[in-house]
Protein backbone atom coordinates (compact mmCIF):
# COMPACT_ATOMS: atom_id res chain seq x y z
CA UNK A 1 -52.86 -6.68 -136.33
CA UNK A 2 -53.51 -6.01 -132.64
CA UNK A 3 -51.61 -2.80 -131.78
CA UNK A 4 -52.84 -2.72 -128.19
CA UNK A 5 -50.19 -5.18 -127.02
CA UNK A 6 -46.46 -4.95 -127.69
CA UNK A 7 -44.37 -8.09 -127.12
CA UNK A 8 -40.72 -7.25 -126.40
CA UNK A 9 -38.76 -10.47 -126.94
CA UNK A 10 -35.13 -11.56 -126.86
CA UNK A 11 -34.61 -14.24 -129.50
CA UNK A 12 -31.57 -16.24 -130.69
CA UNK A 13 -28.71 -15.75 -130.87
CA UNK A 14 -27.65 -16.60 -128.22
CA UNK A 15 -29.39 -19.96 -128.16
CA UNK A 16 -30.36 -20.04 -124.50
CA UNK A 17 -33.59 -21.59 -123.29
CA UNK A 18 -35.32 -18.23 -122.79
CA UNK A 19 -34.36 -17.05 -126.26
CA UNK A 20 -35.50 -20.27 -127.93
CA UNK A 21 -38.87 -20.15 -126.17
CA UNK A 22 -39.29 -16.48 -127.14
CA UNK A 23 -38.60 -17.43 -130.76
CA UNK A 24 -41.36 -20.05 -130.57
CA UNK A 25 -43.75 -17.45 -129.14
CA UNK A 26 -42.75 -14.83 -131.72
CA UNK A 27 -43.27 -17.20 -134.66
CA UNK A 28 -46.75 -18.05 -133.38
CA UNK A 29 -48.01 -14.49 -132.75
CA UNK A 30 -46.11 -12.23 -135.17
CA UNK A 31 -48.98 -12.03 -137.65
CA UNK A 32 -51.50 -11.00 -135.00
CA UNK A 33 -49.57 -8.95 -132.46
CA UNK A 34 -46.93 -6.24 -132.56
CA UNK A 35 -43.51 -7.67 -131.70
CA UNK A 36 -40.16 -6.03 -131.12
CA UNK A 37 -37.31 -8.54 -131.12
CA UNK A 38 -33.70 -8.31 -129.99
CA UNK A 39 -30.81 -10.69 -130.55
CA UNK A 40 -27.05 -10.60 -130.04
CA UNK A 41 -24.83 -11.78 -132.86
CA UNK A 42 -21.45 -13.27 -131.87
CA UNK A 43 -22.68 -13.69 -128.29
CA UNK A 44 -21.84 -16.74 -126.22
CA UNK A 45 -22.33 -18.15 -122.73
CA UNK A 46 -18.80 -17.05 -121.83
CA UNK A 47 -19.92 -13.44 -122.29
CA UNK A 48 -23.22 -13.75 -120.41
CA UNK A 49 -23.48 -11.28 -117.55
CA UNK A 50 -20.25 -9.49 -118.47
CA UNK A 51 -20.41 -5.71 -118.29
CA UNK A 52 -18.37 -3.75 -120.81
CA UNK A 53 -18.73 -0.72 -123.04
CA UNK A 54 -20.62 -2.75 -125.64
CA UNK A 55 -23.19 -3.98 -123.13
CA UNK A 56 -23.89 -0.39 -122.09
CA UNK A 57 -24.32 0.69 -125.72
CA UNK A 58 -26.61 -2.29 -126.27
CA UNK A 59 -28.70 -1.23 -123.27
CA UNK A 60 -29.07 2.29 -124.67
CA UNK A 61 -30.00 0.88 -128.08
CA UNK A 62 -32.54 -1.49 -126.47
CA UNK A 63 -34.28 1.23 -124.46
CA UNK A 64 -34.28 3.66 -127.41
CA UNK A 65 -35.78 1.07 -129.78
CA UNK A 66 -38.56 0.28 -127.31
CA UNK A 67 -39.39 3.96 -126.73
CA UNK A 68 -39.59 4.59 -130.48
CA UNK A 69 -41.93 1.63 -130.85
CA UNK A 70 -44.09 2.86 -127.96
CA UNK A 71 -44.44 6.28 -129.58
CA UNK A 72 -45.24 4.74 -132.94
CA UNK A 73 -47.97 2.24 -132.00
CA UNK A 74 -49.16 3.57 -128.60
CA UNK A 75 -49.96 0.20 -127.00
CA UNK A 76 -52.07 -0.21 -123.89
CA UNK A 77 -49.99 -3.19 -122.69
CA UNK A 78 -46.42 -4.45 -123.01
CA UNK A 79 -45.08 -7.96 -122.43
CA UNK A 80 -41.41 -8.07 -121.43
CA UNK A 81 -38.95 -10.41 -119.71
CA UNK A 82 -37.38 -10.08 -116.28
CA UNK A 83 -33.65 -10.85 -116.71
CA UNK A 84 -31.60 -12.64 -114.06
CA UNK A 85 -28.52 -10.38 -114.22
CA UNK A 86 -28.78 -6.93 -112.68
CA UNK A 87 -27.55 -4.74 -115.54
CA UNK A 88 -30.00 -6.45 -117.94
CA UNK A 89 -32.76 -6.24 -115.34
CA UNK A 90 -32.07 -2.53 -114.81
CA UNK A 91 -32.37 -1.94 -118.55
CA UNK A 92 -35.81 -3.57 -118.60
CA UNK A 93 -36.76 -1.92 -115.31
CA UNK A 94 -36.28 1.50 -116.90
CA UNK A 95 -38.74 0.49 -119.62
CA UNK A 96 -41.18 -0.88 -117.04
CA UNK A 97 -41.08 2.35 -115.04
CA UNK A 98 -41.53 4.57 -118.10
CA UNK A 99 -44.44 2.53 -119.45
CA UNK A 100 -46.18 2.32 -116.08
CA UNK A 101 -45.88 6.10 -115.65
CA UNK A 102 -47.52 6.41 -119.07
CA UNK A 103 -50.41 4.28 -117.75
CA UNK A 104 -49.43 1.35 -119.96
CA UNK A 105 -50.07 -2.06 -118.38
CA UNK A 106 -46.94 -4.14 -117.84
CA UNK A 107 -46.97 -7.93 -118.11
CA UNK A 108 -43.74 -9.83 -117.53
CA UNK A 109 -42.22 -13.29 -117.58
CA UNK A 110 -39.43 -14.85 -115.54
CA UNK A 111 -37.57 -17.64 -117.34
CA UNK A 112 -35.38 -18.57 -114.38
CA UNK A 113 -36.00 -19.68 -110.81
CA UNK A 114 -35.00 -16.46 -109.04
CA UNK A 115 -33.07 -13.17 -109.15
CA UNK A 116 -29.54 -14.08 -107.91
CA UNK A 117 -28.35 -10.47 -107.84
CA UNK A 118 -30.51 -9.53 -104.85
CA UNK A 119 -28.35 -11.74 -102.64
CA UNK A 120 -25.30 -9.56 -103.36
CA UNK A 121 -26.65 -6.05 -102.92
CA UNK A 122 -29.43 -4.48 -100.87
CA UNK A 123 -29.62 -1.63 -103.40
CA UNK A 124 -30.21 -4.07 -106.23
CA UNK A 125 -32.85 -5.84 -104.15
CA UNK A 126 -34.67 -2.54 -103.53
CA UNK A 127 -34.62 -1.80 -107.27
CA UNK A 128 -36.21 -5.20 -107.91
CA UNK A 129 -38.87 -4.78 -105.22
CA UNK A 130 -39.83 -1.31 -106.42
CA UNK A 131 -40.02 -2.50 -110.03
CA UNK A 132 -42.23 -5.47 -109.17
CA UNK A 133 -44.86 -3.08 -107.86
CA UNK A 134 -45.13 -1.58 -111.37
CA UNK A 135 -46.05 -4.93 -112.93
CA UNK A 136 -49.66 -6.10 -113.28
CA UNK A 137 -49.06 -9.74 -114.26
CA UNK A 138 -46.09 -12.09 -114.15
CA UNK A 139 -45.67 -15.42 -115.90
CA UNK A 140 -43.57 -17.98 -113.98
CA UNK A 141 -42.74 -21.63 -114.62
CA UNK A 142 -43.72 -23.46 -111.45
CA UNK A 143 -45.52 -23.37 -108.11
CA UNK A 144 -42.21 -23.02 -106.26
CA UNK A 145 -41.21 -19.99 -108.36
CA UNK A 146 -44.64 -18.44 -107.79
CA UNK A 147 -44.05 -18.78 -104.04
CA UNK A 148 -40.67 -17.10 -104.44
CA UNK A 149 -42.29 -14.11 -106.18
CA UNK A 150 -45.04 -13.90 -103.55
CA UNK A 151 -42.44 -14.01 -100.77
CA UNK A 152 -40.78 -10.97 -102.35
CA UNK A 153 -43.98 -9.07 -101.64
CA UNK A 154 -45.46 -9.05 -105.14
CA UNK A 155 -49.23 -8.53 -105.01
CA UNK A 156 -50.19 -8.69 -108.69
CA UNK A 157 -51.44 -11.66 -110.68
CA UNK A 158 -49.11 -14.62 -111.18
CA UNK A 159 -49.64 -17.17 -113.95
CA UNK A 160 -47.90 -20.55 -114.00
CA UNK A 161 -47.31 -21.31 -117.68
CA UNK A 162 -44.97 -24.04 -118.85
CA UNK A 163 -42.42 -23.53 -121.57
CA UNK A 164 -43.19 -25.26 -124.83
CA UNK A 165 -41.51 -26.25 -128.08
CA UNK A 166 -42.39 -27.92 -131.35
CA UNK A 167 -41.50 -31.58 -131.60
CA UNK A 168 -38.87 -31.94 -134.32
CA UNK A 169 -40.17 -33.69 -137.41
CA UNK A 170 -38.46 -36.61 -139.15
CA UNK A 171 -36.19 -37.29 -136.16
CA UNK A 172 -36.11 -40.78 -134.67
CA UNK A 173 -34.53 -41.72 -131.36
CA UNK A 174 -31.99 -44.38 -130.48
CA UNK A 175 -33.17 -47.77 -129.26
CA UNK A 176 -31.49 -48.96 -126.07
CA UNK A 177 -31.97 -52.62 -126.96
CA UNK A 178 -30.27 -52.41 -130.34
CA UNK A 179 -27.37 -49.99 -129.94
CA UNK A 180 -24.06 -51.36 -128.71
CA UNK A 181 -23.58 -48.29 -126.47
CA UNK A 182 -25.94 -46.65 -124.00
CA UNK A 183 -25.49 -43.00 -124.94
CA UNK A 184 -25.78 -40.35 -122.22
CA UNK A 185 -26.25 -36.70 -123.16
CA UNK A 186 -25.00 -33.53 -121.49
CA UNK A 187 -26.68 -30.55 -123.16
CA UNK A 188 -26.11 -26.85 -122.44
CA UNK A 189 -23.53 -24.55 -120.90
CA UNK A 190 -20.48 -26.54 -119.76
CA UNK A 191 -19.66 -25.38 -116.25
CA UNK A 192 -19.29 -26.63 -112.70
CA UNK A 193 -22.49 -24.84 -111.60
CA UNK A 194 -24.41 -26.70 -114.30
CA UNK A 195 -23.07 -30.00 -113.01
CA UNK A 196 -20.47 -30.99 -115.60
CA UNK A 197 -17.78 -31.86 -113.08
CA UNK A 198 -20.26 -34.09 -111.26
CA UNK A 199 -20.97 -35.87 -114.55
CA UNK A 200 -17.25 -36.54 -115.01
CA UNK A 201 -16.95 -37.78 -111.41
CA UNK A 202 -19.87 -40.17 -111.92
CA UNK A 203 -18.41 -41.46 -115.18
CA UNK A 204 -15.12 -42.09 -113.40
CA UNK A 205 -16.84 -43.86 -110.48
CA UNK A 206 -18.50 -46.52 -112.64
CA UNK A 207 -16.99 -49.97 -112.64
CA UNK A 208 -14.93 -50.65 -115.77
CA UNK A 209 -17.33 -53.21 -117.23
CA UNK A 210 -20.21 -50.72 -116.92
CA UNK A 211 -18.24 -47.73 -118.20
CA UNK A 212 -17.40 -49.72 -121.33
CA UNK A 213 -21.12 -49.89 -122.14
CA UNK A 214 -21.78 -46.14 -122.15
CA UNK A 215 -20.67 -43.04 -124.02
CA UNK A 216 -21.10 -39.41 -122.98
CA UNK A 217 -22.06 -36.91 -125.68
CA UNK A 218 -21.54 -33.26 -124.76
CA UNK A 219 -23.34 -30.52 -126.71
CA UNK A 220 -22.64 -26.94 -125.64
CA UNK A 221 -19.89 -24.44 -125.01
CA UNK A 222 -17.57 -23.87 -122.08
CA UNK A 223 -18.48 -20.91 -119.88
CA UNK A 224 -15.07 -20.20 -118.32
CA UNK A 225 -11.60 -20.91 -119.72
CA UNK A 226 -10.35 -21.80 -116.23
CA UNK A 227 -13.02 -24.49 -115.94
CA UNK A 228 -12.13 -25.76 -119.41
CA UNK A 229 -8.58 -26.39 -118.19
CA UNK A 230 -9.81 -28.02 -114.98
CA UNK A 231 -12.19 -30.37 -116.81
CA UNK A 232 -9.55 -31.35 -119.37
CA UNK A 233 -7.05 -32.11 -116.61
CA UNK A 234 -9.60 -34.34 -114.83
CA UNK A 235 -10.43 -36.17 -118.07
CA UNK A 236 -6.76 -36.78 -118.83
CA UNK A 237 -5.85 -37.87 -115.30
CA UNK A 238 -8.78 -40.31 -115.09
CA UNK A 239 -8.32 -41.52 -118.68
CA UNK A 240 -11.90 -40.74 -119.68
CA UNK A 241 -11.32 -39.29 -123.14
CA UNK A 242 -12.38 -42.47 -124.97
CA UNK A 243 -15.76 -42.33 -123.24
CA UNK A 244 -16.58 -38.71 -124.16
CA UNK A 245 -17.28 -36.81 -127.37
CA UNK A 246 -17.43 -33.00 -127.33
CA UNK A 247 -19.64 -31.81 -130.19
CA UNK A 248 -19.46 -28.07 -129.48
CA UNK A 249 -22.40 -25.69 -129.76
CA UNK A 250 -25.05 -27.03 -132.14
CA UNK A 251 -28.36 -25.56 -133.28
CA UNK A 252 -31.29 -26.50 -135.47
CA UNK A 253 -31.33 -29.84 -137.26
CA UNK A 254 -27.72 -30.64 -136.34
CA UNK A 255 -28.57 -30.36 -132.66
CA UNK A 256 -31.72 -32.46 -132.92
CA UNK A 257 -29.93 -35.25 -134.80
CA UNK A 258 -27.25 -35.42 -132.12
CA UNK A 259 -29.80 -35.37 -129.30
CA UNK A 260 -31.80 -38.18 -130.91
CA UNK A 261 -28.81 -40.53 -130.78
CA UNK A 262 -28.93 -40.62 -126.98
CA UNK A 263 -30.85 -42.67 -124.46
CA UNK A 264 -30.59 -40.51 -121.36
CA UNK A 265 -30.09 -36.80 -120.53
CA UNK A 266 -28.08 -35.95 -117.43
CA UNK A 267 -28.79 -32.48 -115.96
CA UNK A 268 -27.15 -32.00 -112.56
CA UNK A 269 -27.45 -28.22 -112.29
CA UNK A 270 -27.21 -26.24 -109.04
CA UNK A 271 -29.86 -23.79 -110.24
CA UNK A 272 -32.42 -23.61 -113.03
CA UNK A 273 -35.93 -22.56 -113.88
CA UNK A 274 -37.66 -24.99 -116.22
CA UNK A 275 -34.79 -26.31 -118.33
CA UNK A 276 -35.53 -26.37 -122.04
CA UNK A 277 -32.96 -29.14 -122.37
CA UNK A 278 -35.25 -31.46 -120.40
CA UNK A 279 -38.25 -30.50 -122.55
CA UNK A 280 -36.23 -31.06 -125.73
CA UNK A 281 -35.23 -34.51 -124.49
CA UNK A 282 -38.82 -35.31 -123.51
CA UNK A 283 -40.04 -34.39 -127.00
CA UNK A 284 -37.94 -37.29 -128.31
CA UNK A 285 -38.86 -39.66 -125.50
CA UNK A 286 -35.47 -39.34 -123.80
CA UNK A 287 -35.74 -39.45 -119.98
CA UNK A 288 -33.62 -37.26 -117.71
CA UNK A 289 -31.64 -37.67 -114.51
CA UNK A 290 -31.80 -34.26 -112.82
CA UNK A 291 -31.26 -32.41 -109.59
CA UNK A 292 -34.22 -31.32 -107.48
CA UNK A 293 -34.07 -27.55 -108.14
CA UNK A 294 -36.31 -24.85 -109.62
CA UNK A 295 -39.28 -26.20 -111.57
CA UNK A 296 -37.63 -29.56 -112.25
CA UNK A 297 -39.54 -31.45 -109.50
CA UNK A 298 -42.77 -30.35 -111.20
CA UNK A 299 -41.53 -31.74 -114.53
CA UNK A 300 -40.18 -35.10 -113.40
CA UNK A 301 -42.07 -37.75 -111.47
CA UNK A 302 -39.26 -39.81 -109.96
CA UNK A 303 -38.81 -43.25 -111.58
CA UNK A 304 -41.91 -42.61 -113.70
CA UNK A 305 -40.89 -40.23 -116.52
CA UNK A 306 -37.35 -39.55 -115.31
CA UNK A 307 -35.21 -39.48 -112.20
CA UNK A 308 -34.62 -36.92 -109.42
CA UNK A 309 -31.42 -37.21 -107.44
CA UNK A 310 -29.65 -35.64 -104.47
CA UNK A 311 -26.13 -37.04 -104.83
CA UNK A 312 -23.71 -38.73 -107.22
CA UNK A 313 -24.24 -42.18 -105.76
CA UNK A 314 -27.91 -42.05 -106.72
CA UNK A 315 -26.96 -41.21 -110.32
CA UNK A 316 -24.49 -44.08 -110.41
CA UNK A 317 -27.14 -46.45 -109.05
CA UNK A 318 -29.72 -45.38 -111.67
CA UNK A 319 -27.28 -45.74 -114.56
CA UNK A 320 -26.24 -49.16 -113.26
CA UNK A 321 -29.87 -50.31 -113.04
CA UNK A 322 -30.59 -49.01 -116.54
CA UNK A 323 -27.63 -50.91 -117.94
CA UNK A 324 -28.57 -54.12 -116.10
CA UNK A 325 -32.25 -53.64 -117.08
CA UNK A 326 -33.43 -53.52 -113.46
CA UNK A 327 -35.32 -50.38 -114.52
CA UNK A 328 -37.86 -50.64 -117.34
CA UNK A 329 -36.28 -48.06 -119.65
CA UNK A 330 -38.97 -48.32 -122.33
CA UNK A 331 -41.73 -47.51 -119.85
CA UNK A 332 -39.86 -44.47 -118.49
CA UNK A 333 -39.16 -43.35 -122.06
CA UNK A 334 -42.83 -43.57 -123.04
CA UNK A 335 -43.90 -41.68 -119.92
CA UNK A 336 -41.35 -38.99 -120.69
CA UNK A 337 -42.80 -38.45 -124.15
CA UNK A 338 -46.35 -38.43 -122.77
CA UNK A 339 -45.33 -35.69 -120.32
CA UNK A 340 -44.12 -33.59 -123.23
CA UNK A 341 -47.36 -34.08 -125.17
CA UNK A 342 -49.53 -33.26 -122.16
CA UNK A 343 -47.64 -30.26 -120.78
CA UNK A 344 -44.83 -28.84 -122.90
CA UNK A 345 -45.96 -28.35 -126.49
CA UNK A 346 -45.59 -24.98 -128.19
CA UNK A 347 -49.33 -24.77 -128.84
CA UNK A 348 -50.17 -25.11 -125.15
CA UNK A 349 -47.61 -22.48 -124.13
CA UNK A 350 -48.75 -19.93 -126.73
CA UNK A 351 -52.43 -20.50 -125.94
CA UNK A 352 -51.86 -19.98 -122.21
CA UNK A 353 -49.78 -16.81 -122.72
CA UNK A 354 -52.46 -15.32 -124.97
CA UNK A 355 -55.11 -16.20 -122.39
CA UNK A 356 -53.01 -14.46 -119.74
CA UNK A 357 -52.80 -11.35 -121.92
CA UNK A 358 -56.54 -11.29 -122.62
CA UNK A 359 -57.80 -11.81 -119.07
């Protein structure tokens, strides 16, 4: 056991992309490196970022547990995440400052594309900037995110390391030529900012004879009750219910079986880092239509292994061409799976993180 490095990881639940990736990392290194893991039972997307008395107690517990572990094993280096919400970032920043003052090297990772909180408060931005100067190495997910960190004035080492997962075993994917329906998947938090309303608008815009050929499968949970009401009203008014199935939040084998029954992932988010949903789809040879944000343009080569879009009309056009076979779906599907094998496997991610730690 290598006691020189302490990995501080947030793992499921909740089942967000960052937590799932951290679980993959933890499972790969737990026998060789010291790990301290945190998870939140009964936690959901609707609670993410909310500040209440329980979140403050959790922050105190988190910091205390880390300090006890530091005293116990006396590492020379810690590896810790950089959260996207300020109160979670401040919690980790306290740890970063304490460890750096103790002459312990600090290595970090950013799972998202940016730190949204710095746009709202100059104080919060100054906290971020001061904390970055205490960090020796940062793992990011793309060239564009590396540029963002550099533009913030960070002068340490930055490593671009893709997320990675294990390909599910004994799961086969749907065949577009045999199934009566072309199944489209929406996977993740159900909210306007993640593009769900746009998906509904696109479904509604399709000509009737094309809409009859597709079905939308939705896996995930609603983020806001007000949006839930708004989406339901739209679905009822446009008479779309027969074209949509809401499966709720699914994990493990249940999730993979549902994903595998689809032909196309639709991911029209306003913001994202390197979406695990796209990687999960790629691992089953399911191509994605996605917006051009975060690390997504470095994952998808337009019309080669997936599709990058700017507006709803482009999505409608792509779906129409897939249904009329003007696009070679099988070729795009194969390229999508090859991209996963070449760039997004768990083994590659773990190997690159360990190399970052050792350099």
